[in-house]
C-alpha atoms as a PDB file:
ATOM      1  CA  MET A   1       0.070 -13.139 -18.962  1.00  0.00           C
ATOM      2  CA  ARG A   2      -0.557 -12.079 -22.588  1.00  0.00           C
ATOM      3  CA  THR A   3      -3.989 -13.191 -23.630  1.00  0.00           C
ATOM      4  CA  ASP A   4      -5.588 -13.874 -26.967  1.00  0.00           C
ATOM      5  CA  LYS A   5      -7.346 -10.646 -26.726  1.00  0.00           C
ATOM      6  CA  ALA A   6      -4.093  -8.755 -26.225  1.00  0.00           C
ATOM      7  CA  ASP A   7      -2.433 -10.432 -29.100  1.00  0.00           C
ATOM      8  CA  ILE A   8      -5.213  -9.905 -31.432  1.00  0.00           C
ATOM      9  CA  LEU A   9      -5.384  -6.355 -30.373  1.00  0.00           C
ATOM     10  CA  ALA A  10      -1.641  -5.747 -30.979  1.00  0.00           C
ATOM     11  CA  TRP A  11      -2.089  -7.404 -34.461  1.00  0.00           C
ATOM     12  CA  LEU A  12      -4.969  -4.982 -35.405  1.00  0.00           C
ATOM     13  CA  ARG A  13      -3.113  -1.958 -33.783  1.00  0.00           C
ATOM     14  CA  ASN A  14       0.047  -2.793 -35.791  1.00  0.00           C
ATOM     15  CA  SER A  15      -1.671  -3.409 -39.154  1.00  0.00           C
ATOM     16  CA  GLU A  16      -2.133  -0.821 -41.932  1.00  0.00           C
ATOM     17  CA  ASP A  17      -4.788  -2.635 -43.631  1.00  0.00           C
ATOM     18  CA  TYR A  18      -7.682  -4.974 -42.795  1.00  0.00           C
ATOM     19  CA  VAL A  19      -6.764  -8.414 -41.142  1.00  0.00           C
ATOM     20  CA  SER A  20      -8.864 -11.327 -42.059  1.00  0.00           C
ATOM     21  CA  GLY A  21     -10.307 -13.557 -39.554  1.00  0.00           C
ATOM     22  CA  GLN A  22      -8.535 -16.542 -41.068  1.00  0.00           C
ATOM     23  CA  GLN A  23      -5.213 -14.724 -40.615  1.00  0.00           C
ATOM     24  CA  LEU A  24      -5.899 -14.213 -37.084  1.00  0.00           C
ATOM     25  CA  CYS A  25      -6.983 -17.850 -36.633  1.00  0.00           C
ATOM     26  CA  ASP A  26      -3.661 -19.102 -38.288  1.00  0.00           C
ATOM     27  CA  ARG A  27      -1.430 -16.628 -36.484  1.00  0.00           C
ATOM     28  CA  PHE A  28      -2.849 -17.435 -32.946  1.00  0.00           C
ATOM     29  CA  GLY A  29      -4.148 -20.987 -33.377  1.00  0.00           C
ATOM     30  CA  VAL A  30      -7.531 -20.275 -32.502  1.00  0.00           C
ATOM     31  CA  SER A  31     -11.026 -20.714 -34.064  1.00  0.00           C
ATOM     32  CA  ARG A  32     -13.068 -18.347 -35.978  1.00  0.00           C
ATOM     33  CA  THR A  33     -15.632 -18.380 -33.022  1.00  0.00           C
ATOM     34  CA  ALA A  34     -12.847 -17.410 -30.647  1.00  0.00           C
ATOM     35  CA  VAL A  35     -11.827 -14.460 -32.807  1.00  0.00           C
ATOM     36  CA  TRP A  36     -15.331 -13.145 -33.318  1.00  0.00           C
ATOM     37  CA  LYS A  37     -15.889 -13.459 -29.501  1.00  0.00           C
ATOM     38  CA  VAL A  38     -12.712 -11.402 -28.891  1.00  0.00           C
ATOM     39  CA  ILE A  39     -13.732  -8.761 -31.517  1.00  0.00           C
ATOM     40  CA  ASN A  40     -17.002  -8.351 -29.750  1.00  0.00           C
ATOM     41  CA  GLN A  41     -15.267  -8.053 -26.357  1.00  0.00           C
ATOM     42  CA  LEU A  42     -13.056  -5.291 -27.881  1.00  0.00           C
ATOM     43  CA  LYS A  43     -16.237  -3.509 -29.109  1.00  0.00           C
ATOM     44  CA  GLU A  44     -18.016  -3.916 -25.795  1.00  0.00           C
ATOM     45  CA  GLU A  45     -14.910  -2.090 -24.120  1.00  0.00           C
ATOM     46  CA  GLY A  46     -15.251   0.793 -26.336  1.00  0.00           C
ATOM     47  CA  TYR A  47     -12.821  -0.258 -29.147  1.00  0.00           C
ATOM     48  CA  GLN A  48     -14.160   0.761 -32.582  1.00  0.00           C
ATOM     49  CA  VAL A  49     -13.456  -2.130 -34.877  1.00  0.00           C
ATOM     50  CA  GLU A  50     -14.622  -2.133 -38.417  1.00  0.00           C
ATOM     51  CA  SER A  51     -15.851  -5.476 -39.831  1.00  0.00           C
ATOM     52  CA  VAL A  52     -16.085  -5.805 -43.606  1.00  0.00           C
ATOM     53  CA  SER A  53     -17.028  -8.983 -45.339  1.00  0.00           C
ATOM     54  CA  ARG A  54     -14.172 -10.471 -47.270  1.00  0.00           C
ATOM     55  CA  LYS A  55     -11.676  -8.136 -46.045  1.00  0.00           C
ATOM     56  CA  GLY A  56     -11.747  -8.782 -42.322  1.00  0.00           C
ATOM     57  CA  TYR A  57     -11.256  -6.413 -39.281  1.00  0.00           C
ATOM     58  CA  ARG A  58      -9.692  -2.945 -38.855  1.00  0.00           C
ATOM     59  CA  LEU A  59      -9.027  -1.099 -35.630  1.00  0.00           C
ATOM     60  CA  VAL A  60     -10.321   2.281 -36.238  1.00  0.00           C
ATOM     61  CA  GLU A  61      -9.943   3.906 -32.803  1.00  0.00           C
ATOM     62  CA  ALA A  62      -9.300   2.924 -29.073  1.00  0.00           C
ATOM     63  CA  PRO A  63     -11.286   4.310 -26.263  1.00  0.00           C
ATOM     64  CA  ALA A  64      -9.865   7.347 -24.645  1.00  0.00           C
ATOM     65  CA  ASP A  65      -7.350   6.486 -22.078  1.00  0.00           C
ATOM     66  CA  ALA A  66      -7.817   2.872 -22.224  1.00  0.00           C
ATOM     67  CA  PHE A  67      -6.072   1.452 -19.328  1.00  0.00           C
ATOM     68  CA  CYS A  68      -6.226  -2.192 -18.998  1.00  0.00           C
ATOM     69  CA  ALA A  69      -4.532  -5.581 -19.383  1.00  0.00           C
ATOM     70  CA  SER A  70      -5.131  -5.980 -23.114  1.00  0.00           C
ATOM     71  CA  GLU A  71      -4.502  -2.389 -23.803  1.00  0.00           C
ATOM     72  CA  ILE A  72      -1.205  -2.600 -22.081  1.00  0.00           C
ATOM     73  CA  ALA A  73      -0.013  -5.780 -23.297  1.00  0.00           C
ATOM     74  CA  SER A  74      -0.901  -5.028 -26.885  1.00  0.00           C
ATOM     75  CA  ARG A  75       1.505  -2.115 -26.835  1.00  0.00           C
ATOM     76  CA  LEU A  76       4.440  -3.907 -25.229  1.00  0.00           C
ATOM     77  CA  LYS A  77       7.603  -4.195 -27.351  1.00  0.00           C
ATOM     78  CA  THR A  78       9.945  -5.385 -24.512  1.00  0.00           C
ATOM     79  CA  ARG A  79      11.699  -8.646 -24.294  1.00  0.00           C
ATOM     80  CA  TRP A  80      10.896  -9.280 -20.617  1.00  0.00           C
ATOM     81  CA  ALA A  81       9.599  -6.276 -18.762  1.00  0.00           C
ATOM     82  CA  GLY A  82       5.893  -6.620 -18.409  1.00  0.00           C
ATOM     83  CA  ARG A  83       5.569  -9.881 -20.330  1.00  0.00           C
ATOM     84  CA  ASN A  84       4.040 -11.498 -17.388  1.00  0.00           C
ATOM     85  CA  LEU A  85       1.436  -8.898 -16.461  1.00  0.00           C
ATOM     86  CA  HIS A  86      -1.199  -8.602 -13.788  1.00  0.00           C
ATOM     87  CA  PHE A  87      -3.556  -5.735 -13.983  1.00  0.00           C
ATOM     88  CA  LEU A  88      -6.100  -4.813 -11.145  1.00  0.00           C
ATOM     89  CA  ALA A  89      -8.772  -2.292 -11.261  1.00  0.00           C
ATOM     90  CA  SER A  90      -8.080  -1.391  -7.623  1.00  0.00           C
ATOM     91  CA  THR A  91      -5.769  -2.807  -5.173  1.00  0.00           C
ATOM     92  CA  GLY A  92      -4.190  -1.967  -1.859  1.00  0.00           C
ATOM     93  CA  SER A  93      -0.527  -1.517  -3.014  1.00  0.00           C
ATOM     94  CA  THR A  94       1.054  -2.897  -6.294  1.00  0.00           C
ATOM     95  CA  ASN A  95       4.206  -3.335  -4.208  1.00  0.00           C
ATOM     96  CA  SER A  96       2.507  -5.666  -1.905  1.00  0.00           C
ATOM     97  CA  ASP A  97       1.037  -7.558  -4.752  1.00  0.00           C
ATOM     98  CA  ALA A  98       4.279  -7.737  -6.645  1.00  0.00           C
ATOM     99  CA  LYS A  99       5.955  -9.173  -3.547  1.00  0.00           C
ATOM    100  CA  HIS A 100       3.382 -11.833  -3.053  1.00  0.00           C
ATOM    101  CA  PHE A 101       3.725 -12.940  -6.830  1.00  0.00           C
ATOM    102  CA  ALA A 102       7.595 -12.934  -6.520  1.00  0.00           C
ATOM    103  CA  GLU A 103       7.349 -15.130  -3.384  1.00  0.00           C
ATOM    104  CA  GLU A 104       5.055 -17.435  -5.413  1.00  0.00           C
ATOM    105  CA  GLY A 105       7.825 -17.682  -7.961  1.00  0.00           C
ATOM    106  CA  GLU A 106       6.714 -15.445 -10.708  1.00  0.00           C
ATOM    107  CA  PRO A 107       9.405 -14.624 -13.163  1.00  0.00           C
ATOM    108  CA  HIS A 108      11.870 -11.768 -13.567  1.00  0.00           C
ATOM    109  CA  GLY A 109      10.053  -8.773 -15.297  1.00  0.00           C
ATOM    110  CA  THR A 110       6.570  -9.541 -13.826  1.00  0.00           C
ATOM    111  CA  VAL A 111       4.584  -6.404 -13.681  1.00  0.00           C
ATOM    112  CA  VAL A 112       1.553  -5.399 -11.507  1.00  0.00           C
ATOM    113  CA  ALA A 113      -0.381  -2.343 -12.744  1.00  0.00           C
ATOM    114  CA  ALA A 114      -3.621  -0.878 -11.299  1.00  0.00           C
ATOM    115  CA  ASP A 115      -6.054   1.777 -12.001  1.00  0.00           C
ATOM    116  CA  SER A 116      -6.079   2.878  -8.391  1.00  0.00           C
ATOM    117  CA  GLN A 117      -4.603   2.033  -4.946  1.00  0.00           C
ATOM    118  CA  THR A 118      -6.099   2.123  -1.438  1.00  0.00           C
ATOM    119  CA  ALA A 119      -2.832   1.778   0.427  1.00  0.00           C
ATOM    120  CA  GLY A 120      -0.275   3.233  -1.812  1.00  0.00           C
ATOM    121  CA  ARG A 121       3.140   3.929  -0.028  1.00  0.00           C
ATOM    122  CA  GLY A 122       6.054   6.373  -0.594  1.00  0.00           C
ATOM    123  CA  ARG A 123       9.413   6.554   0.977  1.00  0.00           C
ATOM    124  CA  ARG A 124       9.604   6.413   4.918  1.00  0.00           C
ATOM    125  CA  GLY A 125       6.182   4.988   5.074  1.00  0.00           C
ATOM    126  CA  ARG A 126       4.254   8.032   3.779  1.00  0.00           C
ATOM    127  CA  SER A 127       1.030   7.454   1.967  1.00  0.00           C
ATOM    128  CA  TRP A 128       0.789   8.051  -1.730  1.00  0.00           C
ATOM    129  CA  ALA A 129      -2.681   9.452  -3.161  1.00  0.00           C
ATOM    130  CA  SER A 130      -3.796   6.773  -5.740  1.00  0.00           C
ATOM    131  CA  PRO A 131      -7.259   7.844  -7.135  1.00  0.00           C
ATOM    132  CA  LYS A 132      -8.758   5.825 -10.050  1.00  0.00           C
ATOM    133  CA  GLY A 133      -8.486   7.124 -13.573  1.00  0.00           C
ATOM    134  CA  THR A 134      -5.784   9.814 -13.135  1.00  0.00           C
ATOM    135  CA  SER A 135      -2.350   8.172 -12.856  1.00  0.00           C
ATOM    136  CA  ILE A 136      -0.146   5.166 -13.551  1.00  0.00           C
ATOM    137  CA  TYR A 137       0.636   2.887 -10.602  1.00  0.00           C
ATOM    138  CA  PHE A 138       2.693  -0.278 -11.266  1.00  0.00           C
ATOM    139  CA  THR A 139       5.567  -2.350  -9.834  1.00  0.00           C
ATOM    140  CA  ILE A 140       8.036  -4.530 -11.586  1.00  0.00           C
ATOM    141  CA  VAL A 141       9.750  -7.567 -10.091  1.00  0.00           C
ATOM    142  CA  VAL A 142      13.350  -8.108 -10.993  1.00  0.00           C
ATOM    143  CA  ARG A 143      15.654 -11.077  -9.901  1.00  0.00           C
ATOM    144  CA  PRO A 144      19.312  -9.765 -10.078  1.00  0.00           C
ATOM    145  CA  ALA A 145      22.219 -12.221  -9.472  1.00  0.00           C
ATOM    146  CA  PHE A 146      24.355  -9.486  -7.856  1.00  0.00           C
ATOM    147  CA  THR A 147      24.663  -8.993  -4.045  1.00  0.00           C
ATOM    148  CA  PRO A 148      22.362  -6.934  -1.843  1.00  0.00           C
ATOM    149  CA  ASP A 149      24.721  -4.013  -1.611  1.00  0.00           C
ATOM    150  CA  LYS A 150      23.916  -3.095  -5.273  1.00  0.00           C
ATOM    151  CA  ALA A 151      20.240  -3.188  -5.056  1.00  0.00           C
ATOM    152  CA  SER A 152      19.817   0.593  -4.193  1.00  0.00           C
ATOM    153  CA  MET A 153      21.025   1.483  -7.731  1.00  0.00           C
ATOM    154  CA  ILE A 154      17.992  -0.028  -9.199  1.00  0.00           C
ATOM    155  CA  THR A 155      16.049   2.946  -7.746  1.00  0.00           C
ATOM    156  CA  LEU A 156      18.201   5.282  -9.970  1.00  0.00           C
ATOM    157  CA  VAL A 157      17.835   2.999 -12.993  1.00  0.00           C
ATOM    158  CA  ALA A 158      14.112   3.200 -12.711  1.00  0.00           C
ATOM    159  CA  ALA A 159      14.169   7.010 -12.255  1.00  0.00           C
ATOM    160  CA  LEU A 160      16.222   7.517 -15.256  1.00  0.00           C
ATOM    161  CA  GLY A 161      13.751   5.339 -17.303  1.00  0.00           C
ATOM    162  CA  VAL A 162      10.653   7.251 -16.000  1.00  0.00           C
ATOM    163  CA  ALA A 163      12.378  10.589 -16.799  1.00  0.00           C
ATOM    164  CA  GLN A 164      13.220   9.553 -20.361  1.00  0.00           C
ATOM    165  CA  ALA A 165       9.854   8.081 -21.054  1.00  0.00           C
ATOM    166  CA  ILE A 166       8.028  11.226 -19.883  1.00  0.00           C
ATOM    167  CA  GLU A 167      10.244  13.340 -22.185  1.00  0.00           C
ATOM    168  CA  GLU A 168       9.538  11.015 -25.215  1.00  0.00           C
ATOM    169  CA  THR A 169       5.925  10.715 -24.630  1.00  0.00           C
ATOM    170  CA  THR A 170       4.877  14.285 -23.508  1.00  0.00           C
ATOM    171  CA  GLY A 171       7.691  16.640 -24.983  1.00  0.00           C
ATOM    172  CA  LEU A 172       8.123  17.822 -21.385  1.00  0.00           C
ATOM    173  CA  THR A 173      11.607  18.248 -19.715  1.00  0.00           C
ATOM    174  CA  ALA A 174      11.605  15.666 -16.899  1.00  0.00           C
ATOM    175  CA  GLN A 175      14.340  16.070 -14.212  1.00  0.00           C
ATOM    176  CA  ILE A 176      15.429  13.814 -11.289  1.00  0.00           C
ATOM    177  CA  LYS A 177      15.556  15.099  -7.703  1.00  0.00           C
ATOM    178  CA  TRP A 178      18.260  12.711  -6.391  1.00  0.00           C
ATOM    179  CA  PRO A 179      17.790   9.869  -5.821  1.00  0.00           C
ATOM    180  CA  ASN A 180      14.298   9.046  -7.527  1.00  0.00           C
ATOM    181  CA  ASP A 181      11.700  11.834  -7.562  1.00  0.00           C
ATOM    182  CA  ILE A 182      10.862  12.923 -10.947  1.00  0.00           C
ATOM    183  CA  VAL A 183      10.042  16.570 -11.414  1.00  0.00           C
ATOM    184  CA  VAL A 184       8.541  18.812 -14.064  1.00  0.00           C
ATOM    185  CA  HIS A 185       8.722  22.509 -13.695  1.00  0.00           C
ATOM    186  CA  ARG A 186      10.239  21.962 -10.148  1.00  0.00           C
ATOM    187  CA  LYS A 187       7.050  20.007  -9.019  1.00  0.00           C
ATOM    188  CA  LYS A 188       7.073  16.273  -8.333  1.00  0.00           C
ATOM    189  CA  VAL A 189       5.136  14.142 -10.803  1.00  0.00           C
ATOM    190  CA  CYS A 190       6.452  10.674  -9.761  1.00  0.00           C
ATOM    191  CA  GLY A 191       7.694   8.782  -6.785  1.00  0.00           C
ATOM    192  CA  ILE A 192       9.452   5.371  -6.779  1.00  0.00           C
ATOM    193  CA  LEU A 193       9.650   2.931  -3.905  1.00  0.00           C
ATOM    194  CA  THR A 194      12.144  -0.020  -4.181  1.00  0.00           C
ATOM    195  CA  GLU A 195      11.912  -2.873  -1.807  1.00  0.00           C
ATOM    196  CA  MET A 196      14.009  -5.878  -1.598  1.00  0.00           C
ATOM    197  CA  SER A 197      13.862  -9.553  -0.250  1.00  0.00           C
ATOM    198  CA  ILE A 198      17.005 -11.351   0.666  1.00  0.00           C
ATOM    199  CA  THR A 199      17.961 -14.989   1.594  1.00  0.00           C
ATOM    200  CA  PRO A 200      18.119 -15.803   5.370  1.00  0.00           C
ATOM    201  CA  GLU A 201      21.987 -15.562   5.207  1.00  0.00           C
ATOM    202  CA  MET A 202      21.687 -12.080   3.947  1.00  0.00           C
ATOM    203  CA  ASP A 203      24.071 -12.722   1.107  1.00  0.00           C
ATOM    204  CA  GLU A 204      21.828 -13.100  -2.006  1.00  0.00           C
ATOM    205  CA  ILE A 205      18.814 -11.248  -3.441  1.00  0.00           C
ATOM    206  CA  GLN A 206      15.625 -13.182  -3.751  1.00  0.00           C
ATOM    207  CA  PHE A 207      13.879 -10.311  -5.611  1.00  0.00           C
ATOM    208  CA  VAL A 208      13.568  -6.632  -5.830  1.00  0.00           C
ATOM    209  CA  VAL A 209      10.356  -4.747  -6.527  1.00  0.00           C
ATOM    210  CA  ALA A 210      10.414  -1.227  -7.955  1.00  0.00           C
ATOM    211  CA  GLY A 211       7.112   0.586  -7.387  1.00  0.00           C
ATOM    212  CA  VAL A 212       6.267   3.564  -9.611  1.00  0.00           C
ATOM    213  CA  GLY A 213       3.504   6.138  -9.253  1.00  0.00           C
ATOM    214  CA  VAL A 214       3.094   8.875 -11.782  1.00  0.00           C
ATOM    215  CA  ASN A 215       0.845  11.619 -11.455  1.00  0.00           C
ATOM    216  CA  THR A 216      -0.671  11.716 -15.002  1.00  0.00           C
ATOM    217  CA  ASN A 217      -4.033  13.234 -15.746  1.00  0.00           C
ATOM    218  CA  HIS A 218      -4.996  15.291 -12.779  1.00  0.00           C
ATOM    219  CA  ASN A 219      -6.892  18.475 -13.966  1.00  0.00           C
ATOM    220  CA  SER A 220      -5.618  20.918 -11.328  1.00  0.00           C
ATOM    221  CA  VAL A 221      -3.682  21.067  -8.073  1.00  0.00           C
ATOM    222  CA  GLU A 222      -7.032  20.998  -6.270  1.00  0.00           C
ATOM    223  CA  ASP A 223      -7.130  17.289  -7.104  1.00  0.00           C
ATOM    224  CA  PHE A 224      -4.227  16.567  -4.843  1.00  0.00           C
ATOM    225  CA  PRO A 225      -4.392  16.365  -0.956  1.00  0.00           C
ATOM    226  CA  GLU A 226      -3.846  19.757   0.493  1.00  0.00           C
ATOM    227  CA  GLU A 227      -0.554  18.855   2.204  1.00  0.00           C
ATOM    228  CA  ILE A 228       1.199  18.276  -1.049  1.00  0.00           C
ATOM    229  CA  ARG A 229      -0.239  20.927  -3.412  1.00  0.00           C
ATOM    230  CA  GLU A 230       2.625  23.184  -3.301  1.00  0.00           C
ATOM    231  CA  THR A 231       4.981  20.482  -4.528  1.00  0.00           C
ATOM    232  CA  ALA A 232       2.909  18.074  -6.692  1.00  0.00           C
ATOM    233  CA  THR A 233       1.779  18.490 -10.206  1.00  0.00           C
ATOM    234  CA  SER A 234       0.638  16.099 -12.960  1.00  0.00           C
ATOM    235  CA  LEU A 235       1.744  15.713 -16.557  1.00  0.00           C
ATOM    236  CA  LYS A 236      -1.538  16.882 -17.752  1.00  0.00           C
ATOM    237  CA  ILE A 237      -1.479  20.286 -15.787  1.00  0.00           C
ATOM    238  CA  GLU A 238       2.166  20.796 -16.910  1.00  0.00           C
ATOM    239  CA  SER A 239       1.571  19.880 -20.573  1.00  0.00           C
ATOM    240  CA  GLY A 240      -1.975  21.164 -20.944  1.00  0.00           C
ATOM    241  CA  LYS A 241      -2.767  17.745 -22.880  1.00  0.00           C
ATOM    242  CA  HIS A 242      -4.439  14.590 -21.832  1.00  0.00           C
ATOM    243  CA  ILE A 243      -1.810  11.859 -21.390  1.00  0.00           C
ATOM    244  CA  ASP A 244      -2.314   8.373 -22.828  1.00  0.00           C
ATOM    245  CA  ARG A 245      -1.377   6.275 -19.715  1.00  0.00           C
ATOM    246  CA  ALA A 246      -1.054   2.885 -21.558  1.00  0.00           C
ATOM    247  CA  GLY A 247       1.327   4.524 -24.015  1.00  0.00           C
ATOM    248  CA  LEU A 248       3.350   6.132 -21.280  1.00  0.00           C
ATOM    249  CA  LEU A 249       3.529   2.940 -19.301  1.00  0.00           C
ATOM    250  CA  GLU A 250       4.761   1.004 -22.424  1.00  0.00           C
ATOM    251  CA  ARG A 251       7.586   3.613 -22.761  1.00  0.00           C
ATOM    252  CA  ILE A 252       8.639   3.447 -19.067  1.00  0.00           C
ATOM    253  CA  LEU A 253       8.950  -0.415 -19.237  1.00  0.00           C
ATOM    254  CA  ALA A 254      10.808  -0.293 -22.504  1.00  0.00           C
ATOM    255  CA  ARG A 255      13.316   2.379 -21.024  1.00  0.00           C
ATOM    256  CA  PHE A 256      13.565   0.412 -17.789  1.00  0.00           C
ATOM    257  CA  GLU A 257      14.315  -2.914 -19.573  1.00  0.00           C
ATOM    258  CA  GLU A 258      17.155  -1.093 -21.672  1.00  0.00           C
ATOM    259  CA  ASN A 259      18.669   0.592 -18.561  1.00  0.00           C
ATOM    260  CA  TYR A 260      18.515  -2.227 -16.434  1.00  0.00           C
ATOM    261  CA  ASP A 261      20.258  -4.487 -18.959  1.00  0.00           C
ATOM    262  CA  ILE A 262      23.079  -2.039 -19.240  1.00  0.00           C
ATOM    263  CA  PHE A 263      23.381  -1.758 -15.440  1.00  0.00           C
ATOM    264  CA  VAL A 264      23.455  -5.500 -15.024  1.00  0.00           C
ATOM    265  CA  THR A 265      26.167  -5.778 -17.712  1.00  0.00           C
ATOM    266  CA  THR A 266      28.363  -3.171 -16.073  1.00  0.00           C
ATOM    267  CA  GLY A 267      27.418  -4.039 -12.496  1.00  0.00           C
ATOM    268  CA  ASP A 268      27.107  -0.418 -11.593  1.00  0.00           C
ATOM    269  CA  LEU A 269      25.910   3.056 -13.085  1.00  0.00           C
ATOM    270  CA  SER A 270      29.118   3.787 -14.908  1.00  0.00           C
ATOM    271  CA  ALA A 271      27.354   3.559 -18.366  1.00  0.00           C
ATOM    272  CA  LEU A 272      24.242   5.340 -17.223  1.00  0.00           C
ATOM    273  CA  ARG A 273      25.834   8.238 -15.106  1.00  0.00           C
ATOM    274  CA  LYS A 274      26.092  10.588 -17.755  1.00  0.00           C
ATOM    275  CA  ALA A 275      22.436  10.276 -18.841  1.00  0.00           C
ATOM    276  CA  TYR A 276      21.208  10.386 -15.111  1.00  0.00           C
ATOM    277  CA  GLN A 277      23.139  13.469 -14.468  1.00  0.00           C
ATOM    278  CA  ALA A 278      21.803  15.114 -17.522  1.00  0.00           C
ATOM    279  CA  HIS A 279      18.493  14.779 -15.922  1.00  0.00           C
ATOM    280  CA  LEU A 280      19.643  15.721 -12.219  1.00  0.00           C
ATOM    281  CA  ILE A 281      17.953  18.998 -11.163  1.00  0.00           C
ATOM    282  CA  ASN A 282      20.498  18.871  -8.196  1.00  0.00           C
ATOM    283  CA  MET A 283      23.537  19.156 -10.543  1.00  0.00           C
ATOM    284  CA  ASP A 284      25.733  21.915  -9.705  1.00  0.00           C
ATOM    285  CA  ALA A 285      22.965  23.443  -7.477  1.00  0.00           C
ATOM    286  CA  GLN A 286      23.077  24.252  -3.806  1.00  0.00           C
ATOM    287  CA  VAL A 287      21.466  21.795  -1.556  1.00  0.00           C
ATOM    288  CA  ARG A 288      20.414  21.203   1.987  1.00  0.00           C
ATOM    289  CA  VAL A 289      21.510  17.605   3.364  1.00  0.00           C
ATOM    290  CA  LEU A 290      19.171  16.652   6.279  1.00  0.00           C
ATOM    291  CA  ASP A 291      21.293  14.262   7.951  1.00  0.00           C
ATOM    292  CA  PRO A 292      20.389  12.888  11.474  1.00  0.00           C
ATOM    293  CA  ALA A 293      23.935  13.617  12.501  1.00  0.00           C
ATOM    294  CA  GLY A 294      23.499  17.193  11.484  1.00  0.00           C
ATOM    295  CA  GLU A 295      22.075  19.324   8.729  1.00  0.00           C
ATOM    296  CA  TYR A 296      24.565  20.858   6.258  1.00  0.00           C
ATOM    297  CA  THR A 297      24.707  22.714   2.881  1.00  0.00           C
ATOM    298  CA  GLY A 298      26.752  22.347  -0.168  1.00  0.00           C
ATOM    299  CA  THR A 299      26.877  21.983  -4.060  1.00  0.00           C
ATOM    300  CA  ALA A 300      25.681  18.881  -5.579  1.00  0.00           C
ATOM    301  CA  ARG A 301      28.285  17.645  -8.135  1.00  0.00           C
ATOM    302  CA  GLY A 302      26.540  14.677  -9.514  1.00  0.00           C
ATOM    303  CA  ILE A 303      26.703  10.950  -8.694  1.00  0.00           C
ATOM    304  CA  THR A 304      29.097   8.285  -8.112  1.00  0.00           C
ATOM    305  CA  GLU A 305      29.218   5.058 -10.226  1.00  0.00           C
ATOM    306  CA  THR A 306      27.396   3.519  -7.499  1.00  0.00           C
ATOM    307  CA  GLY A 307      24.727   6.037  -7.056  1.00  0.00           C
ATOM    308  CA  GLU A 308      25.779   8.288  -4.026  1.00  0.00           C
ATOM    309  CA  LEU A 309      25.269  11.989  -4.454  1.00  0.00           C
ATOM    310  CA  ILE A 310      28.532  13.834  -4.387  1.00  0.00           C
ATOM    311  CA  VAL A 311      28.227  17.119  -2.245  1.00  0.00           C
ATOM    312  CA  GLU A 312      30.991  19.462  -2.143  1.00  0.00           C
ATOM    313  CA  ARG A 313      30.834  21.314   1.311  1.00  0.00           C
ATOM    314  CA  GLU A 314      31.557  25.113   1.714  1.00  0.00           C
ATOM    315  CA  THR A 315      35.013  23.855   3.186  1.00  0.00           C
ATOM    316  CA  GLY A 316      35.846  22.204  -0.205  1.00  0.00           C
ATOM    317  CA  GLU A 317      35.678  18.834   1.224  1.00  0.00           C
ATOM    318  CA  SER A 318      33.443  16.457  -1.006  1.00  0.00           C
ATOM    319  CA  VAL A 319      31.156  14.215   0.814  1.00  0.00           C
ATOM    320  CA  LEU A 320      29.176  11.063  -0.402  1.00  0.00           C
ATOM    321  CA  VAL A 321      25.463  11.042   0.499  1.00  0.00           C
ATOM    322  CA  TYR A 322      23.818   7.548   0.561  1.00  0.00           C
ATOM    323  CA  ALA A 323      20.142   7.189  -0.521  1.00  0.00           C
ATOM    324  CA  GLY A 324      17.994   6.039   2.252  1.00  0.00           C
ATOM    325  CA  GLU A 325      20.000   7.524   5.037  1.00  0.00           C
ATOM    326  CA  VAL A 326      19.262  11.258   4.567  1.00  0.00           C
ATOM    327  CA  SER A 327      17.142  13.524   2.664  1.00  0.00           C
ATOM    328  CA  VAL A 328      18.290  16.200   0.224  1.00  0.00           C
ATOM    329  CA  ARG A 329      16.533  19.418  -0.641  1.00  0.00           C
ATOM    330  CA  GLY A 330      17.001  22.498  -2.379  1.00  0.00           C
ATOM    331  CA  LEU A 331      18.419  25.401  -0.543  1.00  0.00           C
ATOM    332  CA  TYR A 332      15.168  27.186  -0.192  1.00  0.00           C
ATOM    333  CA  GLY A 333      12.591  24.514  -0.906  1.00  0.00           C
ATOM    334  CA  TYR A 334      11.729  21.110  -2.310  1.00  0.00           C
ATOM    335  CA  VAL A 335      14.269  21.518  -5.129  1.00  0.00           C
END
């Protein structure tokens, strides 16, 4: 939940001048003592807050790479995404936590974010390296009213939002390896794991959780486990600049909310298809489809309005590839 500290921090952050203690008291319905305590807490956490008699308070500078509940909440401009926020310094898996909160009845848009994970997971049960201080790990809960067969599209909605946010925040070109890996300079910077809970009758969705892990401030490929060094990278490695994690998370949530609302309105990806395909690294590229029934090659021709990858085989036949059933690779490697 947003706290008084987050609200006061947001007010200071968005103000171009000093904010008086009385203004903060009136705005948030708290006492001057409560305001004073929050200001001191912020100072203890590394925020430089200037206090001037008869003028009030002014935020001079935030600590480098502040990544905590109040920092994240103070930046949010969304209507529902992340407005109910849980932040954990360390956890097993934000997806597991989010499912627990969803089962307890917490609302649509609930976000669980963490500085590190000890049991992060990727697709097909693979582990996801999640050290502290380097990356963004979060999961968002959504409660859609549509049928379970549409849930897989949420993964593509999330992927588009992450790619857009990375471009806006870093200036890098972010692409999507269908359906949901985000790549920069042909190396993976983000994975997304979507899980669904349905009613016993299997006809309604109770909730969907979309977990996102973004490799943000690793200094070199040596920071990654040896088995993924050839295919993984971070935004800092590729941009040469330290990335503000709270700022990037704010942008991801804003973009996700925008795209998700469009998706719910249309009931499919028709209104997002053009934007998604503009980021698709597989677009008009040769791919290998690793199907349990038999591997084949072809040329990716974009996605359908429901998110399947269209692959034109060498025979000229077009085949629809469904996420979750098969893997798609570049002809000679990861992409």
